[in-house]
Amino acid sequence: MNDGLTMPGKCESCGKNGPRFRFRNDYAEPVINMDLCPSCMNKAFHAMIFYFRTPAGRKAMAERKAQQ
């Protein structure tokens, strides 16, 4: 998920320069691994919260737990 603040640079989503956060979503196919600005990180975080509340999200979490 969030690996923390990385060096300033360009957001891999919107292209804005500034501080970036490492974002990783292991539940996506393929795995999402991006450096995002605070605004895009917030959007990604809220999208994941929404996704995990859907039937597909619950299924993905159950499959991930079964693999571990």
N, C-alpha and C. Protein backbone atom coordinates (compact mmCIF):
# COMPACT_ATOMS: atom_id res chain seq x y z
N MET A 1 0.81 -1.16 0.00
CA MET A 1 0.00 0.00 0.00
C MET A 1 0.87 1.25 0.00
N ASN A 2 1.05 1.91 1.15
CA ASN A 2 1.84 3.14 1.17
C ASN A 2 3.19 2.86 1.80
N ASP A 3 4.24 3.00 1.02
CA ASP A 3 5.60 2.78 1.52
C ASP A 3 6.22 4.06 2.06
N GLY A 4 5.51 5.16 2.02
CA GLY A 4 6.01 6.39 2.61
C GLY A 4 6.42 7.44 1.60
N LEU A 5 6.86 8.56 2.13
CA LEU A 5 7.26 9.70 1.33
C LEU A 5 8.57 9.40 0.61
N THR A 6 8.61 9.69 -0.69
CA THR A 6 9.83 9.51 -1.48
C THR A 6 10.38 10.87 -1.84
N MET A 7 11.46 10.89 -2.56
CA MET A 7 12.09 12.15 -2.96
C MET A 7 11.14 12.94 -3.86
N PRO A 8 11.21 14.27 -3.81
CA PRO A 8 10.37 15.08 -4.70
C PRO A 8 10.63 14.73 -6.16
N GLY A 9 9.61 14.84 -6.95
CA GLY A 9 9.72 14.55 -8.38
C GLY A 9 8.36 14.67 -9.03
N LYS A 10 8.19 14.02 -10.17
CA LYS A 10 6.96 14.11 -10.94
C LYS A 10 6.02 12.96 -10.57
N CYS A 11 4.74 13.31 -10.34
CA CYS A 11 3.70 12.31 -10.06
C CYS A 11 3.51 11.45 -11.30
N GLU A 12 3.44 10.14 -11.11
CA GLU A 12 3.27 9.23 -12.23
C GLU A 12 1.83 9.18 -12.73
N SER A 13 0.91 9.88 -12.06
CA SER A 13 -0.47 9.91 -12.50
C SER A 13 -0.81 11.24 -13.18
N CYS A 14 -0.59 12.35 -12.48
CA CYS A 14 -0.99 13.66 -13.03
C CYS A 14 0.18 14.47 -13.58
N GLY A 15 1.41 14.10 -13.23
CA GLY A 15 2.59 14.81 -13.74
C GLY A 15 3.02 16.01 -12.92
N LYS A 16 2.35 16.30 -11.80
CA LYS A 16 2.68 17.44 -10.96
C LYS A 16 4.02 17.21 -10.25
N ASN A 17 4.87 18.23 -10.20
CA ASN A 17 6.14 18.14 -9.48
C ASN A 17 5.94 18.47 -8.02
N GLY A 18 6.66 17.77 -7.15
CA GLY A 18 6.58 18.02 -5.72
C GLY A 18 6.82 16.73 -4.95
N PRO A 19 6.38 16.70 -3.69
CA PRO A 19 6.57 15.48 -2.89
C PRO A 19 5.75 14.34 -3.48
N ARG A 20 6.27 13.14 -3.32
CA ARG A 20 5.58 11.96 -3.85
C ARG A 20 5.51 10.88 -2.78
N PHE A 21 4.49 10.06 -2.87
CA PHE A 21 4.32 8.90 -1.99
C PHE A 21 4.38 7.64 -2.84
N ARG A 22 5.02 6.61 -2.31
CA ARG A 22 5.07 5.31 -2.98
C ARG A 22 3.74 4.61 -2.73
N PHE A 23 3.05 4.22 -3.79
CA PHE A 23 1.77 3.53 -3.70
C PHE A 23 1.89 2.17 -4.37
N ARG A 24 1.41 1.14 -3.70
CA ARG A 24 1.43 -0.22 -4.25
C ARG A 24 0.11 -0.89 -3.94
N ASN A 25 -0.51 -1.48 -4.96
CA ASN A 25 -1.75 -2.21 -4.79
C ASN A 25 -1.52 -3.64 -5.26
N ASP A 26 -1.34 -4.55 -4.32
CA ASP A 26 -1.10 -5.96 -4.63
C ASP A 26 -2.36 -6.69 -5.04
N TYR A 27 -3.53 -6.10 -4.84
CA TYR A 27 -4.78 -6.75 -5.18
C TYR A 27 -5.14 -6.57 -6.65
N ALA A 28 -4.51 -5.62 -7.33
CA ALA A 28 -4.79 -5.37 -8.74
C ALA A 28 -4.02 -6.36 -9.61
N GLU A 29 -4.55 -6.61 -10.80
CA GLU A 29 -3.87 -7.45 -11.79
C GLU A 29 -3.65 -6.62 -13.03
N PRO A 30 -2.47 -6.25 -13.40
CA PRO A 30 -1.20 -6.47 -12.71
C PRO A 30 -1.07 -5.55 -11.50
N VAL A 31 -0.12 -5.85 -10.64
CA VAL A 31 0.12 -5.07 -9.42
C VAL A 31 0.43 -3.62 -9.81
N ILE A 32 -0.17 -2.67 -9.08
CA ILE A 32 0.07 -1.25 -9.32
C ILE A 32 1.17 -0.79 -8.37
N ASN A 33 2.19 -0.15 -8.91
CA ASN A 33 3.32 0.35 -8.13
C ASN A 33 3.70 1.71 -8.72
N MET A 34 3.33 2.79 -8.03
CA MET A 34 3.52 4.14 -8.58
C MET A 34 4.00 5.10 -7.50
N ASP A 35 4.61 6.20 -7.94
CA ASP A 35 4.92 7.34 -7.07
C ASP A 35 3.87 8.40 -7.36
N LEU A 36 3.10 8.77 -6.32
CA LEU A 36 1.98 9.69 -6.50
C LEU A 36 2.12 10.93 -5.63
N CYS A 37 1.59 12.06 -6.13
CA CYS A 37 1.55 13.30 -5.35
C CYS A 37 0.50 13.11 -4.25
N PRO A 38 0.48 13.97 -3.23
CA PRO A 38 -0.50 13.80 -2.14
C PRO A 38 -1.95 13.75 -2.62
N SER A 39 -2.30 14.55 -3.62
CA SER A 39 -3.67 14.56 -4.12
C SER A 39 -4.03 13.22 -4.78
N CYS A 40 -3.16 12.73 -5.64
CA CYS A 40 -3.42 11.45 -6.31
C CYS A 40 -3.36 10.29 -5.32
N MET A 41 -2.50 10.39 -4.31
CA MET A 41 -2.42 9.35 -3.27
C MET A 41 -3.74 9.29 -2.52
N ASN A 42 -4.30 10.43 -2.20
CA ASN A 42 -5.59 10.48 -1.51
C ASN A 42 -6.67 9.83 -2.36
N LYS A 43 -6.69 10.12 -3.65
CA LYS A 43 -7.69 9.52 -4.54
C LYS A 43 -7.50 8.01 -4.61
N ALA A 44 -6.27 7.56 -4.73
CA ALA A 44 -5.99 6.11 -4.80
C ALA A 44 -6.41 5.42 -3.52
N PHE A 45 -6.13 6.04 -2.39
CA PHE A 45 -6.50 5.47 -1.09
C PHE A 45 -8.02 5.32 -0.97
N HIS A 46 -8.74 6.37 -1.35
CA HIS A 46 -10.21 6.32 -1.26
C HIS A 46 -10.79 5.33 -2.27
N ALA A 47 -10.18 5.19 -3.43
CA ALA A 47 -10.64 4.21 -4.41
C ALA A 47 -10.47 2.80 -3.86
N MET A 48 -9.37 2.54 -3.16
CA MET A 48 -9.16 1.22 -2.56
C MET A 48 -10.18 0.95 -1.46
N ILE A 49 -10.48 1.94 -0.64
CA ILE A 49 -11.50 1.77 0.40
C ILE A 49 -12.83 1.40 -0.24
N PHE A 50 -13.19 2.11 -1.30
CA PHE A 50 -14.44 1.83 -2.00
C PHE A 50 -14.42 0.42 -2.58
N TYR A 51 -13.32 0.05 -3.23
CA TYR A 51 -13.19 -1.26 -3.85
C TYR A 51 -13.34 -2.39 -2.84
N PHE A 52 -12.71 -2.26 -1.68
CA PHE A 52 -12.76 -3.33 -0.68
C PHE A 52 -14.15 -3.51 -0.08
N ARG A 53 -15.04 -2.57 -0.32
CA ARG A 53 -16.42 -2.69 0.17
C ARG A 53 -17.33 -3.34 -0.87
N THR A 54 -16.83 -3.59 -2.07
CA THR A 54 -17.62 -4.22 -3.13
C THR A 54 -17.47 -5.74 -3.05
N PRO A 55 -18.39 -6.49 -3.68
CA PRO A 55 -18.24 -7.95 -3.70
C PRO A 55 -16.91 -8.39 -4.34
N ALA A 56 -16.49 -7.73 -5.39
CA ALA A 56 -15.21 -8.09 -6.04
C ALA A 56 -14.04 -7.85 -5.10
N GLY A 57 -14.09 -6.77 -4.34
CA GLY A 57 -13.02 -6.47 -3.39
C GLY A 57 -12.96 -7.47 -2.25
N ARG A 58 -14.12 -7.84 -1.74
CA ARG A 58 -14.16 -8.84 -0.67
C ARG A 58 -13.63 -10.18 -1.18
N LYS A 59 -13.97 -10.52 -2.42
CA LYS A 59 -13.48 -11.76 -3.02
C LYS A 59 -11.96 -11.72 -3.17
N ALA A 60 -11.41 -10.57 -3.63
CA ALA A 60 -9.96 -10.43 -3.80
C ALA A 60 -9.25 -10.57 -2.46
N MET A 61 -9.80 -9.98 -1.40
CA MET A 61 -9.18 -10.10 -0.08
C MET A 61 -9.23 -11.54 0.42
N ALA A 62 -10.36 -12.23 0.19
CA ALA A 62 -10.48 -13.63 0.63
C ALA A 62 -9.48 -14.51 -0.13
N GLU A 63 -9.32 -14.27 -1.43
CA GLU A 63 -8.36 -15.05 -2.21
C GLU A 63 -6.93 -14.79 -1.74
N ARG A 64 -6.62 -13.55 -1.40
CA ARG A 64 -5.28 -13.19 -0.94
C ARG A 64 -5.00 -13.88 0.40
N LYS A 65 -5.98 -13.89 1.30
CA LYS A 65 -5.80 -14.55 2.59
C LYS A 65 -5.63 -16.06 2.44
N ALA A 66 -6.35 -16.64 1.46
CA ALA A 66 -6.23 -18.09 1.23
C ALA A 66 -4.85 -18.45 0.69
N GLN A 67 -4.20 -17.55 -0.04
CA GLN A 67 -2.87 -17.80 -0.59
C GLN A 67 -1.80 -17.75 0.49
N GLN A 68 -2.05 -17.01 1.55
CA GLN A 68 -1.02 -16.83 2.59
C GLN A 68 -1.01 -17.94 3.53
